Amino acid sequence: MNINTTPVPNAVFDTYLKELKIAELKVLLIIIRQTLGWEDKRTRSERKELDWISNSQLALKTGSSQRAINEAIQALVQKKLIDVLSYEGEILEIPEKRRGQQKLFYRPTNAIFSFVESKGIESEQSCKSAIANANFAGNLRKKMQELTQKMRITKEILQN
């Protein structure tokens, strides 16, 4: 597969294109681009399964208002086309749970694809379980804490 392409599941065109509003389709395509459109640097052979995307990024990339984006996200969650996860890996199904979260991670769900090409080989893609997401977020949090600690130590050494 060409490295500069994003594999969009056929179901997006065959099933959901006629059902989704423009803002919903734009948000869904950005989530697909930010996940399936990127190789996972940790595995170097698979596509990313989830990605942190800010509302300002979604607004910039879709040309939609914050209100339209929030409505689109909720509609896509209700249609079970995307999952929204917290930094801790908790699935946030309602807007009230998403409010105040510093980072929201997005992923397409199994509802929109069953097979996606990955490096020219067709393989079944399965989204990570909530436990796997929690482990991923926990590992990410630990790495960030370690890096922060190293930065503090370096700053203290430089000040002395």
Protein backbone atom coordinates (compact mmCIF):
# COMPACT_ATOMS: atom_id res chain seq x y z
CA MET A 1 0.00 0.00 0.00
CA ASN A 2 1.20 3.49 -0.81
CA ILE A 3 2.47 5.17 2.34
CA ASN A 4 0.71 8.44 1.40
CA THR A 5 -2.79 7.02 1.41
CA THR A 6 -5.41 6.42 4.06
CA PRO A 7 -7.41 3.20 3.87
CA VAL A 8 -11.04 4.26 4.25
CA PRO A 9 -13.36 1.33 4.99
CA ASN A 10 -15.81 0.61 2.17
CA ALA A 11 -18.71 0.80 4.62
CA VAL A 12 -18.13 4.55 4.89
CA PHE A 13 -18.98 4.87 1.20
CA ASP A 14 -21.41 1.99 0.82
CA THR A 15 -23.50 2.47 3.96
CA TYR A 16 -22.83 5.64 5.90
CA LEU A 17 -22.20 8.24 3.17
CA LYS A 18 -25.92 8.70 2.51
CA GLU A 19 -26.82 8.60 6.23
CA LEU A 20 -24.29 11.02 7.73
CA LYS A 21 -24.57 14.79 7.86
CA ILE A 22 -21.67 16.73 6.36
CA ALA A 23 -20.09 17.60 9.72
CA GLU A 24 -20.42 13.97 10.88
CA LEU A 25 -18.74 12.70 7.71
CA LYS A 26 -15.93 15.25 8.01
CA VAL A 27 -15.25 14.35 11.64
CA LEU A 28 -15.37 10.63 10.86
CA LEU A 29 -12.94 11.06 7.96
CA ILE A 30 -10.51 13.06 10.13
CA ILE A 31 -10.63 10.34 12.80
CA ILE A 32 -9.98 7.69 10.14
CA ARG A 33 -7.13 9.79 8.72
CA GLN A 34 -5.55 10.34 12.15
CA THR A 35 -5.75 6.63 13.01
CA LEU A 36 -5.79 4.30 10.01
CA GLY A 37 -3.89 6.90 7.98
CA TRP A 38 -0.81 6.67 10.22
CA GLU A 39 1.55 3.86 11.02
CA ASP A 40 1.82 3.16 14.73
CA LYS A 41 5.37 4.13 15.71
CA ARG A 42 5.30 1.60 18.54
CA THR A 43 4.65 -1.39 16.26
CA ARG A 44 5.95 0.04 12.96
CA SER A 45 3.81 -2.39 11.03
CA GLU A 46 0.25 -1.61 11.96
CA ARG A 47 -2.01 1.39 11.69
CA LYS A 48 -2.77 3.50 14.73
CA GLU A 49 -5.92 2.37 16.49
CA LEU A 50 -6.58 5.59 18.37
CA ASP A 51 -5.30 9.13 18.46
CA TRP A 52 -5.56 12.24 20.55
CA ILE A 53 -7.32 14.92 18.54
CA SER A 54 -8.20 18.30 20.01
CA ASN A 55 -11.41 20.13 19.17
CA SER A 56 -9.34 22.95 17.67
CA GLN A 57 -7.65 20.42 15.34
CA LEU A 58 -11.05 19.08 14.31
CA ALA A 59 -12.30 22.63 13.68
CA LEU A 60 -9.23 23.51 11.62
CA LYS A 61 -9.28 20.31 9.57
CA THR A 62 -13.05 20.17 8.95
CA GLY A 63 -13.81 23.87 8.65
CA SER A 64 -16.75 23.28 11.00
CA SER A 65 -17.78 25.20 14.10
CA GLN A 66 -17.16 23.85 17.60
CA ARG A 67 -20.90 23.33 18.00
CA ALA A 68 -21.15 21.35 14.76
CA ILE A 69 -18.14 19.26 15.79
CA ASN A 70 -19.57 18.48 19.23
CA GLU A 71 -22.92 17.51 17.69
CA ALA A 72 -21.16 15.37 15.07
CA ILE A 73 -19.07 13.59 17.70
CA GLN A 74 -22.16 12.78 19.74
CA ALA A 75 -24.03 11.54 16.67
CA LEU A 76 -21.09 9.33 15.64
CA VAL A 77 -20.84 7.93 19.18
CA GLN A 78 -24.58 7.19 19.23
CA LYS A 79 -24.34 5.50 15.82
CA LYS A 80 -21.42 3.48 17.24
CA LEU A 81 -19.06 4.60 14.49
CA ILE A 82 -16.45 6.06 16.85
CA ASP A 83 -15.34 5.68 20.44
CA VAL A 84 -14.16 8.61 22.52
CA LEU A 85 -11.77 7.70 25.33
CA SER A 86 -10.29 9.57 28.23
CA TYR A 87 -6.57 9.71 29.00
CA GLU A 88 -7.17 6.83 31.43
CA GLY A 89 -8.81 4.70 28.71
CA GLU A 90 -12.42 5.11 29.89
CA ILE A 91 -14.98 5.19 27.08
CA LEU A 92 -16.86 8.50 27.26
CA GLU A 93 -20.27 7.91 25.68
CA ILE A 94 -22.02 11.10 26.77
CA PRO A 95 -21.01 14.76 26.43
CA GLU A 96 -21.10 15.29 30.19
CA LYS A 97 -18.28 12.76 30.64
CA ARG A 98 -16.22 14.44 27.91
CA ARG A 99 -16.50 17.94 29.36
CA GLY A 100 -13.44 19.05 31.27
CA GLN A 101 -11.24 16.25 29.92
CA GLN A 102 -7.83 17.60 28.95
CA LYS A 103 -7.26 15.03 26.21
CA LEU A 104 -9.76 12.98 24.28
CA PHE A 105 -8.67 9.99 22.23
CA TYR A 106 -10.72 8.91 19.21
CA ARG A 107 -10.92 5.64 17.32
CA PRO A 108 -13.18 4.19 14.65
CA THR A 109 -15.24 1.24 15.86
CA ASN A 110 -15.62 -2.19 14.31
CA ALA A 111 -18.98 -1.07 12.93
CA ILE A 112 -17.34 0.72 10.01
CA PHE A 113 -14.87 -1.89 8.94
CA SER A 114 -14.10 -5.55 9.11
CA PHE A 115 -10.99 -5.65 6.93
CA VAL A 116 -8.51 -2.90 6.22
CA GLU A 117 -5.30 -3.17 4.26
CA SER A 118 -2.20 -2.79 6.36
CA LYS A 119 1.05 -2.57 4.40
CA GLY A 120 -0.52 -4.39 1.45
CA ILE A 121 -1.77 -7.32 3.55
CA GLU A 122 -5.45 -7.52 4.30
CA SER A 123 -5.91 -8.23 7.97
CA GLU A 124 -8.78 -8.06 10.37
CA GLN A 125 -8.60 -4.96 12.53
CA SER A 126 -9.98 -5.09 16.02
CA CYS A 127 -10.19 -2.13 18.33
CA LYS A 128 -8.41 -2.40 21.64
CA SER A 129 -10.48 -3.35 24.63
CA ALA A 130 -11.05 -0.83 27.40
CA ILE A 131 -8.48 -2.71 29.49
CA ALA A 132 -5.87 -2.47 26.74
CA ASN A 133 -6.63 1.22 26.39
CA ALA A 134 -6.27 1.70 30.11
CA ASN A 135 -2.91 -0.09 29.97
CA PHE A 136 -1.82 2.08 27.05
CA ALA A 137 -2.88 5.25 28.85
CA GLY A 138 -1.25 4.06 32.07
CA ASN A 139 2.03 3.34 30.28
CA LEU A 140 1.86 6.70 28.55
CA ARG A 141 1.21 8.41 31.88
CA LYS A 142 4.20 6.60 33.48
CA LYS A 143 6.48 7.61 30.62
CA MET A 144 5.34 11.21 30.92
CA GLN A 145 5.96 11.16 34.67
CA GLU A 146 9.43 9.69 34.14
CA LEU A 147 10.24 12.33 31.55
CA THR A 148 8.94 15.08 33.83
CA GLN A 149 11.10 13.74 36.67
CA LYS A 150 14.18 13.67 34.41
CA MET A 151 13.46 17.22 33.34
CA ARG A 152 13.22 18.32 36.99
CA ILE A 153 16.52 16.62 37.83
CA THR A 154 18.20 18.22 34.83
CA LYS A 155 16.80 21.64 35.77
CA GLU A 156 18.04 21.22 39.38
CA ILE A 157 21.52 20.23 38.15
CA LEU A 158 21.65 23.22 35.84
CA GLN A 159 20.58 25.59 38.61
CA ASN A 160 23.33 24.33 40.93
